[in-house]
């Protein structure tokens, strides 16, 4: 009995000290002084490259603000709608800031922060296209980046719809602009920039898929990191910095958003 008691005690102590010794992502970032953040470069004005091939946009600038607030060096990695979550699951990045919408299915894989920007997803096309809902798409082809909220939602709304699933949002936009697809499913906030660059192309709202605020994402179980990011979002709502980003990149004030 004595031997069994000390054996069990040793196992309990080992388990306890193992848990104590385990550093989480937030602690690792603070200790190493480096944070790995994934942002898009195919979804202006959230992320793109300027004429000098430098990353810029709402999410890009926000990533810099997060790194500065952490007192850490920023290691930025480019992601698309399809690989945002895999980059987290395979520990290639610590945080994803990539105009990502929250769904219950995604929340089984990663943790989301409170929202930092309000957007809605919609299907756009020429004024001549008589489409007012997903059920009315008919034989028209819709370009959408695979793995994005709009592609997944549209597939669920109309499983028979002909969807051109592209690698990223920029390719989906190019497919619509070139006439390879008659419709384009995307985030509403990228349309003003596309319209400005392509004044001869029509971007009429055919129907709204759903409201889809943007959230940051972290790996499942990283409670300290997600809580700090929620605090960061709250602080920058209150001091007006997030509103400044909205005015600068989106041309509109920040709308009130619920917290998680």
C-alpha atoms as a PDB file:
ATOM      1  CA  UNK A   1       0.000   0.000   0.000  1.00  0.00           C
ATOM      2  CA  UNK A   2       2.849   2.357   0.903  1.00  0.00           C
ATOM      3  CA  UNK A   3       4.525   1.736  -2.453  1.00  0.00           C
ATOM      4  CA  UNK A   4       1.232   2.255  -4.300  1.00  0.00           C
ATOM      5  CA  UNK A   5       0.558   5.494  -2.379  1.00  0.00           C
ATOM      6  CA  UNK A   6       3.926   7.007  -3.279  1.00  0.00           C
ATOM      7  CA  UNK A   7       3.571   5.795  -6.846  1.00  0.00           C
ATOM      8  CA  UNK A   8       0.230   7.575  -7.228  1.00  0.00           C
ATOM      9  CA  UNK A   9       1.641  10.645  -5.508  1.00  0.00           C
ATOM     10  CA  UNK A  10       4.533  10.764  -7.966  1.00  0.00           C
ATOM     11  CA  UNK A  11       2.126  10.560 -10.918  1.00  0.00           C
ATOM     12  CA  UNK A  12      -0.014  13.374  -9.468  1.00  0.00           C
ATOM     13  CA  UNK A  13       3.005  15.608  -8.844  1.00  0.00           C
ATOM     14  CA  UNK A  14       4.345  14.960 -12.331  1.00  0.00           C
ATOM     15  CA  UNK A  15       0.981  15.820 -13.879  1.00  0.00           C
ATOM     16  CA  UNK A  16       0.684  18.981 -11.800  1.00  0.00           C
ATOM     17  CA  UNK A  17       4.199  20.225 -12.509  1.00  0.00           C
ATOM     18  CA  UNK A  18       3.764  19.333 -16.192  1.00  0.00           C
ATOM     19  CA  UNK A  19       0.687  21.530 -16.386  1.00  0.00           C
ATOM     20  CA  UNK A  20       2.409  24.352 -14.523  1.00  0.00           C
ATOM     21  CA  UNK A  21       5.474  24.132 -16.771  1.00  0.00           C
ATOM     22  CA  UNK A  22       3.430  24.164 -19.956  1.00  0.00           C
ATOM     23  CA  UNK A  23       3.720  27.623 -21.514  1.00  0.00           C
ATOM     24  CA  UNK A  24       0.766  28.847 -23.542  1.00  0.00           C
ATOM     25  CA  UNK A  25       0.955  30.880 -26.763  1.00  0.00           C
ATOM     26  CA  UNK A  26       0.514  34.190 -24.945  1.00  0.00           C
ATOM     27  CA  UNK A  27       3.408  33.451 -22.588  1.00  0.00           C
ATOM     28  CA  UNK A  28       5.548  32.227 -25.490  1.00  0.00           C
ATOM     29  CA  UNK A  29       4.970  35.478 -27.407  1.00  0.00           C
ATOM     30  CA  UNK A  30       5.950  37.594 -24.405  1.00  0.00           C
ATOM     31  CA  UNK A  31       9.037  35.501 -23.681  1.00  0.00           C
ATOM     32  CA  UNK A  32      10.283  35.261 -27.270  1.00  0.00           C
ATOM     33  CA  UNK A  33       9.331  38.819 -28.175  1.00  0.00           C
ATOM     34  CA  UNK A  34       7.908  37.668 -31.517  1.00  0.00           C
ATOM     35  CA  UNK A  35       4.328  37.214 -32.682  1.00  0.00           C
ATOM     36  CA  UNK A  36       3.321  35.399 -35.877  1.00  0.00           C
ATOM     37  CA  UNK A  37       0.233  36.940 -37.454  1.00  0.00           C
ATOM     38  CA  UNK A  38      -1.461  35.865 -40.690  1.00  0.00           C
ATOM     39  CA  UNK A  39      -3.105  38.525 -42.856  1.00  0.00           C
ATOM     40  CA  UNK A  40      -4.571  38.530 -46.379  1.00  0.00           C
ATOM     41  CA  UNK A  41      -2.993  40.269 -49.372  1.00  0.00           C
ATOM     42  CA  UNK A  42      -5.792  39.414 -51.800  1.00  0.00           C
ATOM     43  CA  UNK A  43      -8.682  41.301 -50.167  1.00  0.00           C
ATOM     44  CA  UNK A  44      -8.264  45.076 -50.455  1.00  0.00           C
ATOM     45  CA  UNK A  45      -8.860  47.222 -48.449  1.00  0.00           C
ATOM     46  CA  UNK A  46      -8.188  44.655 -45.694  1.00  0.00           C
ATOM     47  CA  UNK A  47      -4.964  43.416 -47.227  1.00  0.00           C
ATOM     48  CA  UNK A  48      -3.096  43.987 -50.492  1.00  0.00           C
ATOM     49  CA  UNK A  49       0.271  45.138 -51.868  1.00  0.00           C
ATOM     50  CA  UNK A  50       1.029  48.728 -52.839  1.00  0.00           C
ATOM     51  CA  UNK A  51       3.091  49.863 -55.823  1.00  0.00           C
ATOM     52  CA  UNK A  52       6.271  49.076 -53.858  1.00  0.00           C
ATOM     53  CA  UNK A  53       5.021  45.508 -53.250  1.00  0.00           C
ATOM     54  CA  UNK A  54       4.637  46.312 -49.562  1.00  0.00           C
ATOM     55  CA  UNK A  55       1.676  44.883 -47.598  1.00  0.00           C
ATOM     56  CA  UNK A  56      -0.990  47.380 -46.622  1.00  0.00           C
ATOM     57  CA  UNK A  57      -4.617  47.488 -45.545  1.00  0.00           C
ATOM     58  CA  UNK A  58      -6.922  47.390 -42.537  1.00  0.00           C
ATOM     59  CA  UNK A  59      -5.892  43.932 -41.319  1.00  0.00           C
ATOM     60  CA  UNK A  60      -2.222  44.573 -42.082  1.00  0.00           C
ATOM     61  CA  UNK A  61      -2.187  47.780 -40.016  1.00  0.00           C
ATOM     62  CA  UNK A  62      -4.196  46.103 -37.251  1.00  0.00           C
ATOM     63  CA  UNK A  63      -1.608  43.305 -37.080  1.00  0.00           C
ATOM     64  CA  UNK A  64       1.084  45.924 -36.553  1.00  0.00           C
ATOM     65  CA  UNK A  65      -0.942  47.485 -33.745  1.00  0.00           C
ATOM     66  CA  UNK A  66      -1.346  44.097 -32.036  1.00  0.00           C
ATOM     67  CA  UNK A  67       2.390  43.395 -32.230  1.00  0.00           C
ATOM     68  CA  UNK A  68       3.250  46.843 -30.865  1.00  0.00           C
ATOM     69  CA  UNK A  69       0.816  46.451 -27.956  1.00  0.00           C
ATOM     70  CA  UNK A  70       2.398  43.076 -27.156  1.00  0.00           C
ATOM     71  CA  UNK A  71       5.860  44.612 -27.289  1.00  0.00           C
ATOM     72  CA  UNK A  72       6.774  41.962 -29.853  1.00  0.00           C
ATOM     73  CA  UNK A  73       8.371  41.821 -33.282  1.00  0.00           C
ATOM     74  CA  UNK A  74       5.819  41.101 -36.007  1.00  0.00           C
ATOM     75  CA  UNK A  75       6.309  38.098 -38.278  1.00  0.00           C
ATOM     76  CA  UNK A  76       3.606  38.483 -40.899  1.00  0.00           C
ATOM     77  CA  UNK A  77       2.474  35.636 -43.131  1.00  0.00           C
ATOM     78  CA  UNK A  78       0.109  35.838 -46.075  1.00  0.00           C
ATOM     79  CA  UNK A  79      -3.005  33.668 -46.030  1.00  0.00           C
ATOM     80  CA  UNK A  80      -6.079  33.146 -48.188  1.00  0.00           C
ATOM     81  CA  UNK A  81      -9.607  32.275 -47.187  1.00  0.00           C
ATOM     82  CA  UNK A  82      -8.879  28.570 -47.665  1.00  0.00           C
ATOM     83  CA  UNK A  83      -5.751  28.272 -45.523  1.00  0.00           C
ATOM     84  CA  UNK A  84      -6.448  30.693 -42.651  1.00  0.00           C
ATOM     85  CA  UNK A  85      -7.638  27.984 -40.271  1.00  0.00           C
ATOM     86  CA  UNK A  86      -5.087  25.334 -41.382  1.00  0.00           C
ATOM     87  CA  UNK A  87      -2.275  27.822 -40.618  1.00  0.00           C
ATOM     88  CA  UNK A  88      -3.550  27.992 -37.031  1.00  0.00           C
ATOM     89  CA  UNK A  89      -4.146  24.259 -36.679  1.00  0.00           C
ATOM     90  CA  UNK A  90      -0.614  23.450 -37.847  1.00  0.00           C
ATOM     91  CA  UNK A  91       0.944  26.112 -35.578  1.00  0.00           C
ATOM     92  CA  UNK A  92       2.359  28.165 -38.451  1.00  0.00           C
ATOM     93  CA  UNK A  93       0.939  31.340 -36.890  1.00  0.00           C
ATOM     94  CA  UNK A  94      -0.258  32.513 -33.488  1.00  0.00           C
ATOM     95  CA  UNK A  95      -3.072  34.800 -34.662  1.00  0.00           C
ATOM     96  CA  UNK A  96      -5.122  35.171 -37.829  1.00  0.00           C
ATOM     97  CA  UNK A  97      -6.370  38.664 -38.708  1.00  0.00           C
ATOM     98  CA  UNK A  98      -7.969  38.104 -42.092  1.00  0.00           C
ATOM     99  CA  UNK A  99     -11.521  39.542 -42.193  1.00  0.00           C
ATOM    100  CA  UNK A 100     -12.739  36.161 -40.896  1.00  0.00           C
ATOM    101  CA  UNK A 101     -16.369  35.549 -40.088  1.00  0.00           C
ATOM    102  CA  UNK A 102     -17.464  33.409 -37.145  1.00  0.00           C
ATOM    103  CA  UNK A 103     -19.567  30.292 -37.682  1.00  0.00           C
ATOM    104  CA  UNK A 104     -20.446  27.525 -35.191  1.00  0.00           C
ATOM    105  CA  UNK A 105     -18.635  25.025 -37.434  1.00  0.00           C
ATOM    106  CA  UNK A 106     -15.428  27.058 -37.451  1.00  0.00           C
ATOM    107  CA  UNK A 107     -15.710  27.562 -33.708  1.00  0.00           C
ATOM    108  CA  UNK A 108     -15.271  23.790 -33.314  1.00  0.00           C
ATOM    109  CA  UNK A 109     -11.741  24.195 -34.699  1.00  0.00           C
ATOM    110  CA  UNK A 110     -10.435  27.555 -33.424  1.00  0.00           C
ATOM    111  CA  UNK A 111     -11.282  30.297 -30.945  1.00  0.00           C
ATOM    112  CA  UNK A 112     -12.586  33.690 -32.049  1.00  0.00           C
ATOM    113  CA  UNK A 113     -12.149  37.094 -30.478  1.00  0.00           C
ATOM    114  CA  UNK A 114     -14.841  39.731 -30.255  1.00  0.00           C
ATOM    115  CA  UNK A 115     -15.467  41.379 -33.649  1.00  0.00           C
ATOM    116  CA  UNK A 116     -13.325  44.296 -34.783  1.00  0.00           C
ATOM    117  CA  UNK A 117     -15.151  45.310 -38.000  1.00  0.00           C
ATOM    118  CA  UNK A 118     -18.711  44.993 -39.290  1.00  0.00           C
ATOM    119  CA  UNK A 119     -19.289  43.646 -42.789  1.00  0.00           C
ATOM    120  CA  UNK A 120     -21.879  41.742 -44.735  1.00  0.00           C
ATOM    121  CA  UNK A 121     -21.529  39.100 -47.414  1.00  0.00           C
ATOM    122  CA  UNK A 122     -23.442  39.406 -50.647  1.00  0.00           C
ATOM    123  CA  UNK A 123     -23.662  38.310 -54.254  1.00  0.00           C
ATOM    124  CA  UNK A 124     -22.931  41.008 -56.831  1.00  0.00           C
ATOM    125  CA  UNK A 125     -23.489  41.184 -60.565  1.00  0.00           C
ATOM    126  CA  UNK A 126     -24.726  43.292 -63.458  1.00  0.00           C
ATOM    127  CA  UNK A 127     -28.022  45.148 -63.121  1.00  0.00           C
ATOM    128  CA  UNK A 128     -29.428  43.013 -65.944  1.00  0.00           C
ATOM    129  CA  UNK A 129     -29.104  39.791 -63.909  1.00  0.00           C
ATOM    130  CA  UNK A 130     -32.540  39.062 -62.448  1.00  0.00           C
ATOM    131  CA  UNK A 131     -31.396  37.385 -59.237  1.00  0.00           C
ATOM    132  CA  UNK A 132     -32.866  38.278 -55.870  1.00  0.00           C
ATOM    133  CA  UNK A 133     -31.996  35.176 -53.824  1.00  0.00           C
ATOM    134  CA  UNK A 134     -29.782  32.120 -53.852  1.00  0.00           C
ATOM    135  CA  UNK A 135     -32.675  30.069 -55.207  1.00  0.00           C
ATOM    136  CA  UNK A 136     -32.823  32.292 -58.302  1.00  0.00           C
ATOM    137  CA  UNK A 137     -29.200  31.876 -59.386  1.00  0.00           C
ATOM    138  CA  UNK A 138     -30.255  29.261 -61.924  1.00  0.00           C
ATOM    139  CA  UNK A 139     -27.584  28.520 -64.543  1.00  0.00           C
ATOM    140  CA  UNK A 140     -25.519  31.612 -63.755  1.00  0.00           C
ATOM    141  CA  UNK A 141     -21.991  30.940 -62.520  1.00  0.00           C
ATOM    142  CA  UNK A 142     -20.903  32.510 -59.229  1.00  0.00           C
ATOM    143  CA  UNK A 143     -17.218  33.167 -58.489  1.00  0.00           C
ATOM    144  CA  UNK A 144     -16.258  32.717 -54.824  1.00  0.00           C
ATOM    145  CA  UNK A 145     -13.030  32.004 -52.970  1.00  0.00           C
ATOM    146  CA  UNK A 146     -13.142  28.467 -51.589  1.00  0.00           C
ATOM    147  CA  UNK A 147     -13.248  28.066 -47.843  1.00  0.00           C
ATOM    148  CA  UNK A 148     -14.618  31.566 -47.259  1.00  0.00           C
ATOM    149  CA  UNK A 149     -17.813  32.189 -45.324  1.00  0.00           C
ATOM    150  CA  UNK A 150     -19.581  33.374 -48.475  1.00  0.00           C
ATOM    151  CA  UNK A 151     -18.660  30.235 -50.425  1.00  0.00           C
ATOM    152  CA  UNK A 152     -19.738  27.897 -47.621  1.00  0.00           C
ATOM    153  CA  UNK A 153     -22.958  29.802 -46.921  1.00  0.00           C
ATOM    154  CA  UNK A 154     -23.894  30.027 -50.595  1.00  0.00           C
ATOM    155  CA  UNK A 155     -23.285  26.294 -51.035  1.00  0.00           C
ATOM    156  CA  UNK A 156     -25.621  25.587 -48.128  1.00  0.00           C
ATOM    157  CA  UNK A 157     -28.272  28.012 -49.389  1.00  0.00           C
ATOM    158  CA  UNK A 158     -28.315  26.496 -52.868  1.00  0.00           C
ATOM    159  CA  UNK A 159     -26.452  23.175 -53.208  1.00  0.00           C
ATOM    160  CA  UNK A 160     -27.271  23.130 -56.947  1.00  0.00           C
ATOM    161  CA  UNK A 161     -25.713  26.523 -57.661  1.00  0.00           C
ATOM    162  CA  UNK A 162     -22.803  26.572 -60.091  1.00  0.00           C
ATOM    163  CA  UNK A 163     -19.956  27.982 -58.031  1.00  0.00           C
ATOM    164  CA  UNK A 164     -16.506  28.697 -59.453  1.00  0.00           C
ATOM    165  CA  UNK A 165     -14.354  28.018 -56.415  1.00  0.00           C
ATOM    166  CA  UNK A 166     -11.104  29.931 -56.694  1.00  0.00           C
ATOM    167  CA  UNK A 167      -7.928  29.839 -54.601  1.00  0.00           C
ATOM    168  CA  UNK A 168      -8.422  33.355 -53.232  1.00  0.00           C
ATOM    169  CA  UNK A 169     -10.690  36.385 -53.390  1.00  0.00           C
ATOM    170  CA  UNK A 170      -8.534  38.214 -55.931  1.00  0.00           C
ATOM    171  CA  UNK A 171      -8.892  35.314 -58.374  1.00  0.00           C
ATOM    172  CA  UNK A 172     -12.652  35.245 -57.815  1.00  0.00           C
ATOM    173  CA  UNK A 173     -12.817  38.974 -58.560  1.00  0.00           C
ATOM    174  CA  UNK A 174     -10.711  38.478 -61.695  1.00  0.00           C
ATOM    175  CA  UNK A 175     -13.079  35.724 -62.857  1.00  0.00           C
ATOM    176  CA  UNK A 176     -16.042  38.085 -62.555  1.00  0.00           C
ATOM    177  CA  UNK A 177     -14.218  41.009 -64.155  1.00  0.00           C
ATOM    178  CA  UNK A 178     -13.153  38.884 -67.139  1.00  0.00           C
ATOM    179  CA  UNK A 179     -16.600  37.409 -67.679  1.00  0.00           C
ATOM    180  CA  UNK A 180     -15.694  33.853 -66.671  1.00  0.00           C
ATOM    181  CA  UNK A 181     -18.434  34.130 -64.034  1.00  0.00           C
ATOM    182  CA  UNK A 182     -21.666  36.111 -64.229  1.00  0.00           C
ATOM    183  CA  UNK A 183     -21.876  36.740 -60.468  1.00  0.00           C
ATOM    184  CA  UNK A 184     -19.422  37.367 -57.626  1.00  0.00           C
ATOM    185  CA  UNK A 185     -19.878  36.406 -53.965  1.00  0.00           C
ATOM    186  CA  UNK A 186     -17.718  38.427 -51.589  1.00  0.00           C
ATOM    187  CA  UNK A 187     -17.477  40.802 -48.672  1.00  0.00           C
ATOM    188  CA  UNK A 188     -19.319  44.059 -49.221  1.00  0.00           C
ATOM    189  CA  UNK A 189     -16.389  46.179 -48.070  1.00  0.00           C
ATOM    190  CA  UNK A 190     -14.103  45.201 -50.938  1.00  0.00           C
ATOM    191  CA  UNK A 191     -16.575  46.360 -53.589  1.00  0.00           C
ATOM    192  CA  UNK A 192     -15.857  50.141 -53.437  1.00  0.00           C
ATOM    193  CA  UNK A 193     -12.179  49.496 -54.209  1.00  0.00           C
ATOM    194  CA  UNK A 194     -13.049  47.140 -57.081  1.00  0.00           C
ATOM    195  CA  UNK A 195     -15.560  49.628 -58.474  1.00  0.00           C
ATOM    196  CA  UNK A 196     -12.972  52.401 -58.338  1.00  0.00           C
ATOM    197  CA  UNK A 197     -10.430  50.269 -60.221  1.00  0.00           C
ATOM    198  CA  UNK A 198     -12.983  48.978 -62.723  1.00  0.00           C
ATOM    199  CA  UNK A 199     -15.455  51.823 -63.413  1.00  0.00           C
ATOM    200  CA  UNK A 200     -16.950  50.128 -66.475  1.00  0.00           C
ATOM    201  CA  UNK A 201     -17.970  47.007 -64.523  1.00  0.00           C
ATOM    202  CA  UNK A 202     -21.271  46.819 -62.644  1.00  0.00           C
ATOM    203  CA  UNK A 203     -21.347  45.606 -59.031  1.00  0.00           C
ATOM    204  CA  UNK A 204     -25.064  45.627 -58.319  1.00  0.00           C
ATOM    205  CA  UNK A 205     -26.138  43.891 -55.094  1.00  0.00           C
ATOM    206  CA  UNK A 206     -28.197  40.874 -56.122  1.00  0.00           C
ATOM    207  CA  UNK A 207     -28.867  39.653 -52.579  1.00  0.00           C
ATOM    208  CA  UNK A 208     -27.271  39.689 -49.124  1.00  0.00           C
ATOM    209  CA  UNK A 209     -26.035  36.343 -47.831  1.00  0.00           C
ATOM    210  CA  UNK A 210     -25.710  37.464 -44.215  1.00  0.00           C
ATOM    211  CA  UNK A 211     -24.122  39.969 -41.882  1.00  0.00           C
ATOM    212  CA  UNK A 212     -20.600  38.794 -41.089  1.00  0.00           C
ATOM    213  CA  UNK A 213     -18.447  40.813 -38.668  1.00  0.00           C
ATOM    214  CA  UNK A 214     -14.692  40.212 -38.821  1.00  0.00           C
ATOM    215  CA  UNK A 215     -12.979  38.411 -35.923  1.00  0.00           C
ATOM    216  CA  UNK A 216      -9.401  37.465 -35.079  1.00  0.00           C
ATOM    217  CA  UNK A 217      -8.713  33.762 -34.594  1.00  0.00           C
ATOM    218  CA  UNK A 218      -6.344  31.744 -32.374  1.00  0.00           C
ATOM    219  CA  UNK A 219      -5.777  28.038 -31.748  1.00  0.00           C
ATOM    220  CA  UNK A 220      -8.306  26.170 -29.648  1.00  0.00           C
ATOM    221  CA  UNK A 221      -7.549  26.367 -25.929  1.00  0.00           C
ATOM    222  CA  UNK A 222      -5.417  29.524 -26.034  1.00  0.00           C
ATOM    223  CA  UNK A 223      -7.562  31.259 -23.423  1.00  0.00           C
ATOM    224  CA  UNK A 224      -4.932  33.784 -22.300  1.00  0.00           C
ATOM    225  CA  UNK A 225      -4.215  34.964 -25.843  1.00  0.00           C
ATOM    226  CA  UNK A 226      -7.849  35.303 -26.882  1.00  0.00           C
ATOM    227  CA  UNK A 227      -8.652  37.144 -23.658  1.00  0.00           C
ATOM    228  CA  UNK A 228      -5.776  39.569 -24.209  1.00  0.00           C
ATOM    229  CA  UNK A 229      -6.936  40.190 -27.787  1.00  0.00           C
ATOM    230  CA  UNK A 230     -10.468  40.897 -26.532  1.00  0.00           C
ATOM    231  CA  UNK A 231      -8.956  43.431 -24.130  1.00  0.00           C
ATOM    232  CA  UNK A 232      -6.942  44.924 -26.999  1.00  0.00           C
ATOM    233  CA  UNK A 233     -10.093  45.303 -29.131  1.00  0.00           C
ATOM    234  CA  UNK A 234     -12.036  46.872 -26.254  1.00  0.00           C
ATOM    235  CA  UNK A 235      -9.206  49.320 -25.498  1.00  0.00           C
ATOM    236  CA  UNK A 236      -8.907  50.395 -29.142  1.00  0.00           C
ATOM    237  CA  UNK A 237     -12.640  50.821 -29.513  1.00  0.00           C
ATOM    238  CA  UNK A 238     -12.657  53.105 -26.506  1.00  0.00           C
ATOM    239  CA  UNK A 239      -9.649  55.195 -27.565  1.00  0.00           C
ATOM    240  CA  UNK A 240     -10.944  55.588 -31.132  1.00  0.00           C
ATOM    241  CA  UNK A 241      -8.126  53.734 -32.907  1.00  0.00           C
ATOM    242  CA  UNK A 242     -10.410  51.117 -34.462  1.00  0.00           C
ATOM    243  CA  UNK A 243     -12.709  53.888 -35.669  1.00  0.00           C
ATOM    244  CA  UNK A 244      -9.642  55.566 -37.202  1.00  0.00           C
ATOM    245  CA  UNK A 245      -8.884  52.363 -39.141  1.00  0.00           C
ATOM    246  CA  UNK A 246     -12.496  52.209 -40.343  1.00  0.00           C
ATOM    247  CA  UNK A 247     -12.360  55.804 -41.560  1.00  0.00           C
ATOM    248  CA  UNK A 248      -8.948  55.342 -43.196  1.00  0.00           C
ATOM    249  CA  UNK A 249      -9.460  52.021 -44.973  1.00  0.00           C
ATOM    250  CA  UNK A 250     -13.224  51.579 -45.242  1.00  0.00           C
ATOM    251  CA  UNK A 251     -14.352  55.184 -45.583  1.00  0.00           C
ATOM    252  CA  UNK A 252     -16.952  54.872 -42.834  1.00  0.00           C
ATOM    253  CA  UNK A 253     -17.191  55.059 -39.037  1.00  0.00           C
ATOM    254  CA  UNK A 254     -17.104  51.907 -36.966  1.00  0.00           C
ATOM    255  CA  UNK A 255     -20.539  50.454 -36.281  1.00  0.00           C
ATOM    256  CA  UNK A 256     -21.413  49.302 -32.736  1.00  0.00           C
ATOM    257  CA  UNK A 257     -20.686  45.592 -32.399  1.00  0.00           C
ATOM    258  CA  UNK A 258     -21.530  43.046 -29.699  1.00  0.00           C
ATOM    259  CA  UNK A 259     -18.707  41.355 -27.794  1.00  0.00           C
ATOM    260  CA  UNK A 260     -18.312  37.613 -27.310  1.00  0.00           C
END
